[in-house]
Amino acid sequence: MAGIPAESLSDEDLRRELGQLERTASDIEVTGTPQQRRTHVERERELRAETVRRAEPPG
């Protein structure tokens, strides 16, 4: 996986990473290679899963 593991990111960095992925999504979809698209989707899933994990109440 590319980048720092999602669980190691601060909340601010996690939001920033997600924002960057959202801004580049259409470019990757149109001009990216299949590997770039896979990497993009995998990273987005990782970051979104971490966002959900952090939002869940403890316990």
N, C-alpha and C. Protein backbone atom coordinates (compact mmCIF):
# COMPACT_ATOMS: atom_id res chain seq x y z
N MET A 1 0.84 -1.19 0.00
CA MET A 1 0.00 0.00 0.00
C MET A 1 0.88 1.24 0.00
N ALA A 2 0.42 2.24 -0.68
CA ALA A 2 1.16 3.50 -0.77
C ALA A 2 0.83 4.39 0.42
N GLY A 3 1.82 5.16 0.86
CA GLY A 3 1.58 6.13 1.91
C GLY A 3 1.73 5.57 3.30
N ILE A 4 1.57 6.44 4.26
CA ILE A 4 1.63 6.08 5.66
C ILE A 4 0.37 5.29 6.00
N PRO A 5 0.50 4.22 6.78
CA PRO A 5 -0.71 3.48 7.16
C PRO A 5 -1.76 4.40 7.78
N ALA A 6 -3.01 4.19 7.41
CA ALA A 6 -4.09 5.08 7.85
C ALA A 6 -4.18 5.18 9.36
N GLU A 7 -3.94 4.07 10.07
CA GLU A 7 -4.06 4.10 11.52
C GLU A 7 -2.97 4.94 12.18
N SER A 8 -1.90 5.24 11.42
CA SER A 8 -0.81 6.06 11.95
C SER A 8 -1.00 7.55 11.70
N LEU A 9 -1.99 7.92 10.90
CA LEU A 9 -2.23 9.33 10.57
C LEU A 9 -2.99 10.03 11.69
N SER A 10 -2.68 11.30 11.88
CA SER A 10 -3.48 12.11 12.79
C SER A 10 -4.85 12.33 12.13
N ASP A 11 -5.82 12.77 12.91
CA ASP A 11 -7.14 13.06 12.33
C ASP A 11 -7.03 14.08 11.21
N GLU A 12 -6.24 15.11 11.43
CA GLU A 12 -6.06 16.15 10.41
C GLU A 12 -5.42 15.58 9.15
N ASP A 13 -4.40 14.77 9.29
CA ASP A 13 -3.75 14.16 8.13
C ASP A 13 -4.68 13.21 7.40
N LEU A 14 -5.49 12.49 8.15
CA LEU A 14 -6.46 11.58 7.53
C LEU A 14 -7.45 12.36 6.67
N ARG A 15 -7.97 13.45 7.21
CA ARG A 15 -8.90 14.29 6.43
C ARG A 15 -8.21 14.87 5.19
N ARG A 16 -6.98 15.30 5.35
CA ARG A 16 -6.25 15.88 4.23
C ARG A 16 -6.01 14.83 3.13
N GLU A 17 -5.61 13.63 3.54
CA GLU A 17 -5.38 12.55 2.56
C GLU A 17 -6.67 12.22 1.80
N LEU A 18 -7.79 12.12 2.52
CA LEU A 18 -9.06 11.83 1.86
C LEU A 18 -9.44 12.95 0.89
N GLY A 19 -9.24 14.18 1.31
CA GLY A 19 -9.53 15.32 0.43
C GLY A 19 -8.71 15.27 -0.84
N GLN A 20 -7.43 14.94 -0.70
CA GLN A 20 -6.55 14.85 -1.87
C GLN A 20 -7.02 13.74 -2.81
N LEU A 21 -7.40 12.62 -2.25
CA LEU A 21 -7.90 11.52 -3.09
C LEU A 21 -9.17 11.92 -3.83
N GLU A 22 -10.06 12.62 -3.13
CA GLU A 22 -11.30 13.07 -3.78
C GLU A 22 -11.01 14.05 -4.91
N ARG A 23 -10.03 14.93 -4.71
CA ARG A 23 -9.69 15.91 -5.75
C ARG A 23 -9.06 15.27 -6.97
N THR A 24 -8.36 14.16 -6.79
CA THR A 24 -7.65 13.54 -7.92
C THR A 24 -8.41 12.37 -8.53
N ALA A 25 -9.55 11.98 -7.95
CA ALA A 25 -10.27 10.79 -8.41
C ALA A 25 -10.62 10.83 -9.89
N SER A 26 -11.17 11.92 -10.37
CA SER A 26 -11.59 11.95 -11.78
C SER A 26 -10.38 11.91 -12.72
N ASP A 27 -9.30 12.56 -12.35
CA ASP A 27 -8.10 12.50 -13.19
C ASP A 27 -7.55 11.08 -13.28
N ILE A 28 -7.50 10.40 -12.16
CA ILE A 28 -7.01 9.03 -12.14
C ILE A 28 -7.92 8.13 -12.97
N GLU A 29 -9.22 8.33 -12.84
CA GLU A 29 -10.19 7.52 -13.58
C GLU A 29 -10.01 7.69 -15.08
N VAL A 30 -9.74 8.91 -15.53
CA VAL A 30 -9.65 9.20 -16.96
C VAL A 30 -8.27 8.88 -17.52
N THR A 31 -7.22 9.30 -16.83
CA THR A 31 -5.88 9.20 -17.41
C THR A 31 -4.96 8.20 -16.72
N GLY A 32 -5.39 7.64 -15.60
CA GLY A 32 -4.52 6.73 -14.86
C GLY A 32 -4.41 5.36 -15.49
N THR A 33 -3.32 4.70 -15.19
CA THR A 33 -3.13 3.32 -15.62
C THR A 33 -4.00 2.42 -14.74
N PRO A 34 -4.21 1.19 -15.16
CA PRO A 34 -4.97 0.28 -14.29
C PRO A 34 -4.35 0.16 -12.89
N GLN A 35 -3.03 0.11 -12.81
CA GLN A 35 -2.38 0.01 -11.50
C GLN A 35 -2.62 1.27 -10.66
N GLN A 36 -2.57 2.43 -11.29
CA GLN A 36 -2.83 3.68 -10.56
C GLN A 36 -4.26 3.70 -10.04
N ARG A 37 -5.20 3.24 -10.85
CA ARG A 37 -6.59 3.20 -10.41
C ARG A 37 -6.77 2.23 -9.24
N ARG A 38 -6.15 1.06 -9.31
CA ARG A 38 -6.23 0.10 -8.21
C ARG A 38 -5.64 0.68 -6.93
N THR A 39 -4.47 1.30 -7.05
CA THR A 39 -3.82 1.89 -5.89
C THR A 39 -4.69 2.97 -5.28
N HIS A 40 -5.29 3.80 -6.12
CA HIS A 40 -6.16 4.89 -5.66
C HIS A 40 -7.36 4.33 -4.90
N VAL A 41 -8.00 3.34 -5.46
CA VAL A 41 -9.18 2.73 -4.83
C VAL A 41 -8.80 2.06 -3.51
N GLU A 42 -7.70 1.34 -3.51
CA GLU A 42 -7.25 0.66 -2.28
C GLU A 42 -6.95 1.67 -1.17
N ARG A 43 -6.28 2.75 -1.53
CA ARG A 43 -5.94 3.76 -0.53
C ARG A 43 -7.21 4.45 0.00
N GLU A 44 -8.12 4.74 -0.90
CA GLU A 44 -9.38 5.37 -0.48
C GLU A 44 -10.14 4.45 0.48
N ARG A 45 -10.20 3.17 0.17
CA ARG A 45 -10.87 2.22 1.06
C ARG A 45 -10.20 2.18 2.43
N GLU A 46 -8.87 2.15 2.43
CA GLU A 46 -8.14 2.11 3.69
C GLU A 46 -8.44 3.35 4.54
N LEU A 47 -8.40 4.52 3.91
CA LEU A 47 -8.64 5.76 4.64
C LEU A 47 -10.08 5.86 5.13
N ARG A 48 -11.02 5.47 4.30
CA ARG A 48 -12.43 5.53 4.71
C ARG A 48 -12.71 4.55 5.84
N ALA A 49 -12.13 3.36 5.77
CA ALA A 49 -12.32 2.38 6.85
C ALA A 49 -11.76 2.92 8.16
N GLU A 50 -10.64 3.60 8.11
CA GLU A 50 -10.06 4.18 9.31
C GLU A 50 -10.94 5.30 9.84
N THR A 51 -11.52 6.08 8.96
CA THR A 51 -12.43 7.15 9.37
C THR A 51 -13.63 6.56 10.11
N VAL A 52 -14.19 5.49 9.59
CA VAL A 52 -15.33 4.82 10.23
C VAL A 52 -14.89 4.24 11.58
N ARG A 53 -13.74 3.60 11.62
CA ARG A 53 -13.25 3.00 12.86
C ARG A 53 -13.11 4.06 13.96
N ARG A 54 -12.59 5.22 13.59
CA ARG A 54 -12.41 6.28 14.59
C ARG A 54 -13.74 6.87 15.05
N ALA A 55 -14.75 6.80 14.20
CA ALA A 55 -16.06 7.38 14.54
C ALA A 55 -16.89 6.46 15.43
N GLU A 56 -16.53 5.16 15.47
CA GLU A 56 -17.29 4.22 16.28
C GLU A 56 -17.04 4.48 17.76
N PRO A 57 -18.10 4.35 18.54
CA PRO A 57 -17.92 4.54 19.99
C PRO A 57 -17.04 3.43 20.55
N PRO A 58 -16.21 3.77 21.54
CA PRO A 58 -15.33 2.75 22.14
C PRO A 58 -16.15 1.67 22.86
N GLY A 59 -15.59 0.48 22.86
CA GLY A 59 -16.21 -0.60 23.63
C GLY A 59 -16.86 -1.55 22.76
